[in-house]
Structure formats: C-alpha cells, structure tokens
Amino acid sequence: MTSSPPSSLLHDSDVRRYLTGQLAAEIGSRITREGLPIVAIVAASASAPELAILAALSTLPSLAMGNWAGHWVDKSRRRPVLIGANLARAAVLFAIPLLYALHRLTFLAIAAVTVLAGGAGIVTAVARHAYLPSLVGRTRLEEGNELVGTAESIGETTGPGIMGLLIQWVGGPLSIAFDALSNVASAVLLLTIARPEDRPEAPSETSQTREAPLSLGAVWSRVGRHPILRPLLLNAGATAFFRGFFSTLYELYVLKTLHLSPLALGLLITLGGLGSLVGTRLLRPVRRHVRMGVMIGGSFLLYALLNFAVPAAHGSRWLAFSFLFLAQFGGDLFGTIFDIGATTVEQQVTPDHWLGRVHGTFRALGGGLEVVGALTAGPLALWLSVRSTFWIAAGGFLVSGLFLMAKPLRILDAPAPEFWQGFDAS
C-alpha cells in the first residue's frame, strides 16, 4: 500500500501569508521599476543622460550591499530583517508622493529614493532567499521556489499594466505610493506568521568563523571550492554581464531600430511574464523525467538559444514582433525553469548559517557585472550597431551555459549533506 503524497504547501496558512505578502511586494516593485523613470521625466524633466544615471543607480545597491546584506542576514533571524526591510522601503517610497505634494520633487530626490529603495530591496531579496528553507523545510524547497516563482511571474505580468492604469488615474508620483503600501502589507503579513524561527547558527563554528569578514573574497574562497556553487556563480556572473546589454539597449532597439510602438513594447513585457508563469507550471512535469542538473543546464541552453531571436528580428512590424515574442515568451519560460532550479540547488547545498552570505555574493557579483555590461553596451552599439551588439550578447549567453556543463552539477539530482562540507573550514 503506497502512502498518499504530501499535501500542497498552499494548505499551510503560514506559507499562504508569506506568498501573499511576496505577491503584493512583487506587483508593487514592478510598478516602481517601470514608473520611476516616468516620474523623473514628467515631474522632474529628466534628460536622457539623467535617465541613464538613474538606470545605473538602480543596479548599484546589488554591487555595494549584496555581500554586507548577506553577512547581516546570517547573523540574524531572517523574518524580522524582512519585516524591517519592507517597512524601510515603504518609508523611502512614500517620499515621492509627499515631495510631489509639497512641490519639492527633484531629480536628485528621485535618484536618492532609487538608491535607498534599491538597498532595502537587496536586503529583502537576500533575507527571503535565506528564510524560505526554514519556512517550508529543506525537503520541500523545490515546491516552495516554484510557488515563489509563480508569485514573481504574476507580478511581472500584472505590474506594468497596473502601473499604466495608476499613472493614468492618479499620475506618476502618486502611483509610487501603491508600491509603498504593498511593502507595508507584506510586512504585516510576515508579522502574522506563527511558525517560530531559530537563529541561524552552527554549533561547530568557532567565533572567528562565525564572524567571517564582510569582503566578497571571504565567501568566494568557499564558493570557489564548491563543486556545485562554483559553476552556478560563474554562470550568474557571465549572464549578468551580457544581460546588461539587453537592459540598456532593448527599448531603444524595439522602438527605434524595429519601429514598433510603445504599446507593442508593453505587450512584449507582459507576454514575458506570461511565459514565466507557464514555466512555473511546467517545472514539475519536467522534473519527473530529468535530473535536476540536466533540467538546469537544458533550460538555460534553450533560454540562450531563444535570445538569438532578438537580433534576428527583421521585416514587417508583425514579423519583427513575432521574433521578439519568441524571445520574450519562450526565453522567460525556460529562464524561469532555470532560475527556480538554480535557486533551489543553491539553497540545498548551502548550510543555514551561510545562506545569506552566499546569496549576497551572487547578488554582488551579478549586480557589478551587469553595470559593467551596461556601460560596455553603449560604446559597442555606437562602434558596431545595436543589432550587432545583441548578436554578441546572445552568443555570450550561450557561452555562459558552458559553466553549467561541469560534471558535479550536470549529474546532480538530490543534493546530499556532504555538499555542505568546506563552508565551515577556517
């Protein structure tokens, strides 16, 4: 007689509260991500160079704070950090509508809000990553990350549309208040979680190890020796560099090179969110047939190949849109499967008291290399062309996938405790 399968995590009231709070915050963050540049243009008459500065400032917190946030998270209970970071982000974002109402909203104020809100967002992201294993249990991390991925996909799909409606209804500055309120709602829901959380601490650690340095190199020395985390980190860094090409040039390419409308651009972003949502639904069927390592490598390969459709787009507007749809919908679909798999493995092979520092290192490296990629993309596009730059970026994604072919990761299915070895070495 076979035992019945475990009930869904959605039957757990604490998990439902956590996911509802994350969904609210995800939708709100998409509103600010898309809406803050509009606020800068409309309310502060921002120029093109100022918008470029704003884009760079939005990625700066990952580089500057990722490792520090990870160290702080590893020394604390994660839920209080999450609550505090949500409330801090809400307070910062409320400054936009307040300053607008007082007729004191300037570009400098918007830039400051971008940096401070981004800093709170990095702390939130690292703390969420470290908190999930204690909430759902390590044996159910794959299902937990699938549900988190679903929340992120819904945010990606609905956030830009809600942002457009809010801007039309109350204006850009006041629409940012919705994100602030969403962070307050997330903090309140986190407060209602009943499950206790132990302080992350390894009894075998010495005080010297427990107080590990804040530097990126301190964690890199451990990640660099790890047979699973090393290829994941190298892939994340290389992918972030070439993603900087896309984040810098994609809108310019769609609107100026392919001559598609802003409506078509918004529709493509929404379709990408739908592709991501489909990816979360396909995860379990895929996992029933392939090992985790094969799923990670295979989904990233398909993601990389589909990105070639961006520079390949040509012809009529409908034909060009079809190429971009293939890249946006399909790329986000397989990219989400990869992200959920890679995140799950990262959590599974990292001890509790290192979760924050390891993920902070991923964030710091990715944020730094994405900035470098963004700064490289502009001159490269002037020297060659925007389309040629995208061919290079797509090829870079494909080469980045080679790191995932490392044998320990490729043959991985269910990580065993021995993968924790090496973190606590002094």
Protein backbone atom coordinates (compact mmCIF):
# COMPACT_ATOMS: atom_id res chain seq x y z
CA MET A 1 0.00 0.00 0.00
CA THR A 2 1.53 3.30 -1.10
CA SER A 3 1.39 6.34 1.10
CA SER A 4 -0.50 9.39 -0.11
CA PRO A 5 1.60 12.24 -1.45
CA PRO A 6 2.19 15.18 0.87
CA SER A 7 -0.37 17.97 0.71
CA SER A 8 0.45 21.17 -1.15
CA LEU A 9 2.38 23.85 0.68
CA LEU A 10 -0.57 26.12 -0.11
CA HIS A 11 -2.51 24.24 2.58
CA ASP A 12 -0.11 25.76 5.13
CA SER A 13 -1.53 29.07 6.38
CA ASP A 14 1.93 30.48 7.17
CA VAL A 15 3.13 29.74 3.64
CA ARG A 16 -0.01 31.36 2.21
CA ARG A 17 0.63 34.52 4.24
CA TYR A 18 4.25 34.60 3.11
CA LEU A 19 3.36 34.15 -0.56
CA THR A 20 0.54 36.70 -0.43
CA GLY A 21 2.94 39.24 1.04
CA GLN A 22 5.55 38.48 -1.59
CA LEU A 23 2.97 38.74 -4.38
CA ALA A 24 1.90 42.18 -3.16
CA ALA A 25 5.53 43.32 -2.96
CA GLU A 26 6.34 41.86 -6.40
CA ILE A 27 3.48 43.73 -8.09
CA GLY A 28 4.43 46.93 -6.29
CA SER A 29 8.11 46.66 -7.22
CA ARG A 30 7.21 46.29 -10.91
CA ILE A 31 5.17 49.48 -10.66
CA THR A 32 8.14 51.39 -9.27
CA ARG A 33 10.63 49.80 -11.67
CA GLU A 34 8.63 50.89 -14.71
CA GLY A 35 7.10 54.01 -13.19
CA LEU A 36 10.03 55.80 -11.54
CA PRO A 37 11.69 56.78 -14.86
CA ILE A 38 8.32 58.14 -15.98
CA VAL A 39 8.11 60.16 -12.75
CA ALA A 40 11.60 61.52 -13.45
CA ILE A 41 10.58 62.58 -16.96
CA VAL A 42 7.18 64.07 -16.09
CA ALA A 43 7.79 65.57 -12.65
CA ALA A 44 11.50 66.45 -12.82
CA SER A 45 12.01 66.96 -16.58
CA ALA A 46 14.86 64.43 -16.58
CA SER A 47 17.14 64.38 -19.62
CA ALA A 48 18.45 61.29 -21.41
CA PRO A 49 21.80 61.35 -19.52
CA GLU A 50 19.92 61.68 -16.24
CA LEU A 51 17.77 58.66 -17.11
CA ALA A 52 20.97 56.70 -17.83
CA ILE A 53 22.28 57.71 -14.39
CA LEU A 54 19.00 56.58 -12.83
CA ALA A 55 19.30 53.20 -14.55
CA ALA A 56 22.86 52.78 -13.25
CA LEU A 57 21.83 53.79 -9.73
CA SER A 58 19.10 51.14 -9.72
CA THR A 59 21.74 48.39 -10.02
CA LEU A 60 24.28 49.96 -7.67
CA PRO A 61 22.83 48.52 -4.40
CA SER A 62 23.42 44.93 -5.58
CA LEU A 63 27.12 45.62 -6.00
CA ALA A 64 27.56 47.82 -2.94
CA MET A 65 25.35 45.96 -0.45
CA GLY A 66 24.96 42.35 -1.58
CA ASN A 67 27.79 40.89 0.49
CA TRP A 68 27.13 43.13 3.51
CA ALA A 69 23.42 42.24 3.47
CA GLY A 70 24.27 38.54 3.35
CA HIS A 71 26.54 38.79 6.39
CA TRP A 72 23.89 40.71 8.35
CA VAL A 73 21.15 38.24 7.40
CA ASP A 74 23.30 35.28 8.51
CA LYS A 75 23.76 36.81 11.97
CA SER A 76 20.03 37.44 12.50
CA ARG A 77 16.64 35.83 12.35
CA ARG A 78 15.50 36.39 8.81
CA ARG A 79 11.81 37.24 9.34
CA PRO A 80 12.46 40.37 11.48
CA VAL A 81 15.01 41.52 8.86
CA LEU A 82 12.40 41.01 6.15
CA ILE A 83 9.79 42.99 8.07
CA GLY A 84 12.22 45.83 8.76
CA ALA A 85 13.42 45.97 5.13
CA ASN A 86 9.84 46.08 3.84
CA LEU A 87 8.94 48.93 6.18
CA ALA A 88 12.15 50.81 5.33
CA ARG A 89 11.42 50.52 1.60
CA ALA A 90 7.85 51.72 2.19
CA ALA A 91 9.07 54.78 4.12
CA VAL A 92 11.55 55.68 1.36
CA LEU A 93 8.98 55.30 -1.41
CA PHE A 94 6.40 57.42 0.41
CA ALA A 95 8.85 60.31 -0.03
CA ILE A 96 7.98 60.52 -3.75
CA PRO A 97 4.27 61.41 -3.40
CA LEU A 98 5.00 63.52 -0.32
CA LEU A 99 7.66 65.63 -2.04
CA TYR A 100 5.45 65.93 -5.10
CA ALA A 101 2.56 67.21 -2.99
CA LEU A 102 4.94 69.78 -1.43
CA HIS A 103 6.26 70.78 -4.91
CA ARG A 104 9.77 69.76 -3.89
CA LEU A 105 10.28 66.67 -6.05
CA THR A 106 13.60 67.00 -7.89
CA PHE A 107 15.76 64.62 -9.90
CA LEU A 108 18.23 64.47 -7.02
CA ALA A 109 15.43 63.33 -4.68
CA ILE A 110 14.32 60.69 -7.19
CA ALA A 111 17.92 59.46 -7.50
CA ALA A 112 18.24 59.22 -3.72
CA VAL A 113 14.98 57.26 -3.48
CA THR A 114 16.21 54.92 -6.23
CA VAL A 115 19.38 54.09 -4.28
CA LEU A 116 17.77 53.80 -0.83
CA ALA A 117 14.78 51.77 -2.04
CA GLY A 118 17.15 49.55 -4.02
CA GLY A 119 19.25 48.98 -0.90
CA ALA A 120 16.19 47.91 1.09
CA GLY A 121 15.20 45.71 -1.84
CA ILE A 122 18.57 43.90 -1.80
CA VAL A 123 18.25 43.19 1.92
CA THR A 124 14.73 41.88 1.27
CA ALA A 125 15.87 39.61 -1.59
CA VAL A 126 18.75 38.10 0.40
CA ALA A 127 16.61 37.63 3.52
CA ARG A 128 13.79 35.98 1.53
CA HIS A 129 16.25 33.56 -0.04
CA ALA A 130 17.65 32.64 3.39
CA TYR A 131 14.25 32.49 5.13
CA LEU A 132 12.45 30.15 2.75
CA PRO A 133 14.24 26.91 3.83
CA SER A 134 13.18 27.44 7.45
CA LEU A 135 9.60 28.18 6.40
CA VAL A 136 8.96 25.25 4.05
CA GLY A 137 11.71 22.81 5.11
CA ARG A 138 14.68 21.74 3.01
CA THR A 139 12.88 18.68 1.63
CA ARG A 140 10.24 20.92 0.00
CA LEU A 141 12.43 23.69 -1.34
CA GLU A 142 11.67 22.84 -4.96
CA GLU A 143 7.92 23.24 -4.41
CA GLY A 144 8.49 26.37 -2.32
CA ASN A 145 10.61 28.02 -5.02
CA GLU A 146 8.02 27.03 -7.62
CA LEU A 147 5.37 28.95 -5.65
CA VAL A 148 7.72 31.91 -5.20
CA GLY A 149 8.41 31.85 -8.95
CA THR A 150 4.68 31.90 -9.60
CA ALA A 151 4.29 35.00 -7.42
CA GLU A 152 7.15 36.71 -9.28
CA SER A 153 5.63 35.79 -12.65
CA ILE A 154 2.24 37.20 -11.69
CA GLY A 155 3.97 40.38 -10.57
CA GLU A 156 5.83 40.60 -13.88
CA THR A 157 2.61 40.05 -15.83
CA THR A 158 0.26 42.37 -13.95
CA GLY A 159 2.62 45.02 -12.55
CA PRO A 160 3.23 47.03 -15.76
CA GLY A 161 -0.50 47.06 -16.60
CA ILE A 162 -1.44 48.24 -13.10
CA MET A 163 1.31 50.84 -13.35
CA GLY A 164 -0.19 52.20 -16.59
CA LEU A 165 -3.67 52.40 -15.09
CA LEU A 166 -2.41 54.10 -11.92
CA ILE A 167 -0.38 56.68 -13.85
CA GLN A 168 -3.41 57.47 -15.97
CA TRP A 169 -5.66 57.63 -12.90
CA VAL A 170 -3.60 59.42 -10.22
CA GLY A 171 -0.37 60.38 -12.01
CA GLY A 172 3.17 59.01 -11.79
CA PRO A 173 4.29 60.30 -8.38
CA LEU A 174 1.16 59.16 -6.56
CA SER A 175 1.31 55.73 -8.23
CA ILE A 176 4.57 55.04 -6.36
CA ALA A 177 2.53 55.12 -3.14
CA PHE A 178 0.98 51.81 -4.25
CA ASP A 179 4.39 50.13 -4.03
CA ALA A 180 4.93 51.67 -0.59
CA LEU A 181 1.57 50.29 0.57
CA SER A 182 2.37 46.88 -0.90
CA ASN A 183 5.52 46.74 1.24
CA VAL A 184 3.52 47.66 4.34
CA ALA A 185 1.06 44.86 3.50
CA SER A 186 3.94 42.41 3.07
CA ALA A 187 5.39 43.38 6.46
CA VAL A 188 2.01 42.97 8.17
CA LEU A 189 1.52 39.51 6.64
CA LEU A 190 5.01 38.47 7.74
CA LEU A 191 4.14 39.57 11.28
CA THR A 192 1.17 37.16 11.30
CA ILE A 193 3.30 34.07 10.53
CA ALA A 194 3.07 31.81 13.58
CA ARG A 195 5.90 29.37 12.85
CA PRO A 196 8.91 30.17 15.08
CA GLU A 197 12.29 30.76 13.51
CA ASP A 198 15.57 29.73 15.14
CA ARG A 199 18.61 31.96 14.93
CA PRO A 200 20.88 30.59 12.17
CA GLU A 201 23.99 29.35 13.93
CA ALA A 202 26.26 26.33 13.56
CA PRO A 203 27.33 24.87 16.92
CA SER A 204 30.62 23.66 15.47
CA GLU A 205 31.70 27.09 14.29
CA THR A 206 34.39 28.99 16.10
CA SER A 207 33.74 32.63 16.91
CA GLN A 208 36.29 33.56 14.26
CA THR A 209 34.42 31.63 11.58
CA ARG A 210 31.04 32.90 12.73
CA GLU A 211 32.29 36.47 12.46
CA ALA A 212 33.55 35.96 8.91
CA PRO A 213 34.83 39.07 7.14
CA LEU A 214 32.40 41.18 5.14
CA SER A 215 34.52 41.01 1.99
CA LEU A 216 33.35 39.32 -1.13
CA GLY A 217 36.58 37.31 -1.20
CA ALA A 218 35.81 35.65 2.15
CA VAL A 219 32.76 33.94 0.71
CA TRP A 220 34.31 33.48 -2.74
CA SER A 221 37.04 31.33 -1.16
CA ARG A 222 34.35 28.88 -0.08
CA VAL A 223 32.10 29.15 -3.13
CA GLY A 224 35.14 28.86 -5.40
CA ARG A 225 35.99 25.47 -3.85
CA HIS A 226 32.44 24.16 -4.03
CA PRO A 227 31.75 21.75 -6.93
CA ILE A 228 28.11 22.90 -7.31
CA LEU A 229 28.13 26.58 -6.37
CA ARG A 230 31.23 27.47 -8.39
CA PRO A 231 29.68 26.76 -11.83
CA LEU A 232 26.41 28.41 -10.77
CA LEU A 233 28.25 31.56 -9.68
CA LEU A 234 30.38 31.73 -12.83
CA ASN A 235 27.27 31.33 -14.95
CA ALA A 236 25.43 34.00 -12.95
CA GLY A 237 28.28 36.48 -13.36
CA ALA A 238 28.72 35.93 -17.11
CA THR A 239 24.96 36.05 -17.70
CA ALA A 240 24.64 39.29 -15.71
CA PHE A 241 27.33 40.94 -17.86
CA PHE A 242 25.51 40.19 -21.11
CA ARG A 243 22.11 40.91 -19.55
CA GLY A 244 23.43 44.45 -19.10
CA PHE A 245 23.48 44.72 -22.90
CA PHE A 246 19.79 43.89 -23.08
CA SER A 247 18.71 46.10 -20.17
CA THR A 248 20.48 49.08 -21.73
CA LEU A 249 19.54 48.72 -25.40
CA TYR A 250 16.33 46.66 -25.61
CA GLU A 251 13.83 49.53 -25.54
CA LEU A 252 15.91 51.57 -27.99
CA TYR A 253 16.13 48.56 -30.32
CA VAL A 254 12.40 47.86 -30.23
CA LEU A 255 11.28 51.48 -30.68
CA LYS A 256 13.98 52.94 -32.95
CA THR A 257 15.53 50.05 -34.89
CA LEU A 258 12.43 47.90 -35.40
CA HIS A 259 9.99 50.85 -35.23
CA LEU A 260 7.49 49.08 -33.00
CA SER A 261 5.11 51.10 -30.85
CA PRO A 262 5.33 51.63 -27.07
CA LEU A 263 2.13 49.57 -26.86
CA ALA A 264 3.88 46.66 -28.56
CA LEU A 265 6.82 47.04 -26.17
CA GLY A 266 4.49 46.89 -23.16
CA LEU A 267 2.73 43.87 -24.63
CA LEU A 268 6.05 42.06 -25.08
CA ILE A 269 6.94 42.67 -21.42
CA THR A 270 3.55 41.31 -20.35
CA LEU A 271 3.95 38.26 -22.61
CA GLY A 272 7.31 37.62 -20.99
CA GLY A 273 5.56 37.50 -17.62
CA LEU A 274 3.04 35.02 -19.02
CA GLY A 275 5.88 32.87 -20.33
CA SER A 276 7.46 32.92 -16.89
CA LEU A 277 4.13 31.84 -15.37
CA VAL A 278 3.89 28.94 -17.83
CA GLY A 279 7.45 27.98 -16.88
CA THR A 280 6.47 27.59 -13.21
CA ARG A 281 3.64 25.25 -14.27
CA LEU A 282 5.96 23.11 -16.42
CA LEU A 283 8.59 22.66 -13.72
CA ARG A 284 7.12 19.57 -12.05
CA PRO A 285 6.37 17.66 -15.29
CA VAL A 286 9.94 18.33 -16.44
CA ARG A 287 11.39 17.17 -13.11
CA ARG A 288 9.50 13.89 -13.32
CA HIS A 289 11.56 13.00 -16.38
CA VAL A 290 15.01 14.55 -15.90
CA ARG A 291 17.56 15.08 -13.14
CA MET A 292 17.86 18.50 -11.54
CA GLY A 293 21.27 19.13 -13.11
CA VAL A 294 20.01 18.22 -16.59
CA MET A 295 16.99 20.49 -16.13
CA ILE A 296 19.20 23.41 -15.09
CA GLY A 297 21.63 23.04 -17.99
CA GLY A 298 18.98 22.21 -20.59
CA SER A 299 16.62 25.05 -19.68
CA PHE A 300 19.47 27.57 -19.72
CA LEU A 301 20.60 26.32 -23.15
CA LEU A 302 17.09 26.82 -24.56
CA TYR A 303 16.89 30.25 -22.90
CA ALA A 304 20.20 31.24 -24.51
CA LEU A 305 19.21 29.97 -27.96
CA LEU A 306 15.88 31.81 -27.90
CA ASN A 307 17.68 35.10 -27.24
CA PHE A 308 19.14 34.89 -30.75
CA ALA A 309 15.64 35.76 -31.97
CA VAL A 310 16.16 39.35 -30.75
CA PRO A 311 18.94 40.33 -33.18
CA ALA A 312 17.34 38.11 -35.83
CA ALA A 313 14.13 40.19 -35.78
CA HIS A 314 13.54 41.89 -39.14
CA GLY A 315 10.98 42.60 -41.84
CA SER A 316 7.49 43.92 -41.26
CA ARG A 317 6.38 45.05 -37.84
CA TRP A 318 4.32 41.90 -37.37
CA LEU A 319 7.25 39.69 -38.34
CA ALA A 320 9.64 41.58 -36.07
CA PHE A 321 7.12 41.36 -33.24
CA SER A 322 6.89 37.58 -33.79
CA PHE A 323 10.67 37.20 -33.38
CA LEU A 324 10.62 39.25 -30.20
CA PHE A 325 7.61 37.31 -28.90
CA LEU A 326 9.58 34.09 -29.36
CA ALA A 327 12.48 35.50 -27.36
CA GLN A 328 10.33 37.14 -24.67
CA PHE A 329 7.76 34.41 -24.05
CA GLY A 330 9.98 31.39 -24.66
CA GLY A 331 13.07 32.92 -23.10
CA ASP A 332 11.23 33.87 -19.91
CA LEU A 333 9.60 30.42 -19.80
CA PHE A 334 12.87 28.49 -19.85
CA GLY A 335 14.67 31.20 -17.89
CA THR A 336 12.17 30.77 -15.05
CA ILE A 337 12.64 26.99 -15.01
CA PHE A 338 16.40 27.57 -14.82
CA ASP A 339 16.10 30.21 -12.08
CA ILE A 340 13.89 28.02 -9.88
CA GLY A 341 16.20 25.03 -10.32
CA ALA A 342 19.39 27.02 -9.71
CA THR A 343 17.93 28.80 -6.67
CA THR A 344 16.74 25.51 -5.19
CA VAL A 345 20.15 23.89 -5.60
CA GLU A 346 21.92 26.94 -4.15
CA GLN A 347 19.72 26.70 -1.04
CA GLN A 348 20.02 22.92 -0.78
CA VAL A 349 23.82 22.82 -0.83
CA THR A 350 24.37 25.82 1.47
CA PRO A 351 24.21 25.47 5.28
CA ASP A 352 21.61 27.63 7.03
CA HIS A 353 24.19 29.92 8.61
CA TRP A 354 25.76 30.66 5.19
CA LEU A 355 22.60 31.19 3.12
CA GLY A 356 22.69 34.98 3.34
CA ARG A 357 26.38 35.39 2.58
CA VAL A 358 26.36 33.01 -0.37
CA HIS A 359 23.30 34.62 -1.96
CA GLY A 360 24.69 38.06 -1.18
CA THR A 361 27.80 37.11 -3.13
CA PHE A 362 25.69 36.04 -6.10
CA ARG A 363 23.85 39.37 -5.92
CA ALA A 364 27.04 41.44 -5.59
CA LEU A 365 28.82 39.74 -8.48
CA GLY A 366 25.74 39.84 -10.70
CA GLY A 367 24.99 43.48 -9.92
CA GLY A 368 28.57 44.56 -10.52
CA LEU A 369 28.96 42.74 -13.83
CA GLU A 370 25.56 43.93 -15.05
CA VAL A 371 26.71 47.52 -14.52
CA VAL A 372 29.90 46.75 -16.47
CA GLY A 373 27.81 45.17 -19.22
CA ALA A 374 25.52 48.19 -19.38
CA LEU A 375 28.50 50.55 -19.63
CA THR A 376 30.05 48.36 -22.35
CA ALA A 377 26.87 48.10 -24.41
CA GLY A 378 26.59 51.80 -25.30
CA PRO A 379 30.05 52.28 -26.88
CA LEU A 380 29.81 48.86 -28.55
CA ALA A 381 26.47 49.80 -30.13
CA LEU A 382 27.98 53.06 -31.43
CA TRP A 383 31.01 51.25 -32.84
CA LEU A 384 29.11 48.36 -34.44
CA SER A 385 25.31 48.69 -34.20
CA VAL A 386 22.58 47.89 -31.71
CA ARG A 387 21.69 44.72 -33.62
CA SER A 388 25.33 43.55 -33.73
CA THR A 389 25.64 44.18 -30.01
CA PHE A 390 22.65 41.90 -29.41
CA TRP A 391 24.26 39.16 -31.52
CA ILE A 392 27.31 39.38 -29.23
CA ALA A 393 25.10 39.30 -26.12
CA ALA A 394 23.15 36.27 -27.34
CA GLY A 395 26.40 34.47 -28.11
CA GLY A 396 27.65 35.42 -24.66
CA PHE A 397 24.60 33.82 -23.05
CA LEU A 398 25.30 30.62 -24.97
CA VAL A 399 28.95 30.55 -23.86
CA SER A 400 27.82 31.24 -20.26
CA GLY A 401 25.95 27.94 -20.37
CA LEU A 402 29.23 26.05 -20.67
CA PHE A 403 29.85 26.60 -16.94
CA LEU A 404 26.72 24.53 -16.24
CA MET A 405 28.24 21.55 -18.04
CA ALA A 406 30.56 20.85 -15.08
CA LYS A 407 30.11 17.17 -14.20
CA PRO A 408 29.17 17.55 -10.49
CA LEU A 409 26.31 19.87 -11.46
CA ARG A 410 25.33 18.01 -14.63
CA ILE A 411 24.77 14.70 -12.82
CA LEU A 412 23.11 16.29 -9.78
CA ASP A 413 19.65 15.22 -8.72
CA ALA A 414 19.04 15.48 -4.95
CA PRO A 415 21.97 17.16 -3.13
CA ALA A 416 23.26 15.21 -0.15
CA PRO A 417 24.62 16.65 3.14
CA GLU A 418 28.22 16.13 2.06
CA PHE A 419 27.82 19.14 -0.25
CA TRP A 420 27.85 21.29 2.90
CA GLN A 421 31.47 20.37 3.59
CA GLY A 422 34.01 23.18 3.21
CA PHE A 423 31.87 26.09 4.36
CA ASP A 424 32.95 25.89 7.97
CA ALA A 425 36.65 25.50 7.31
CA SER A 426 38.61 28.36 8.80
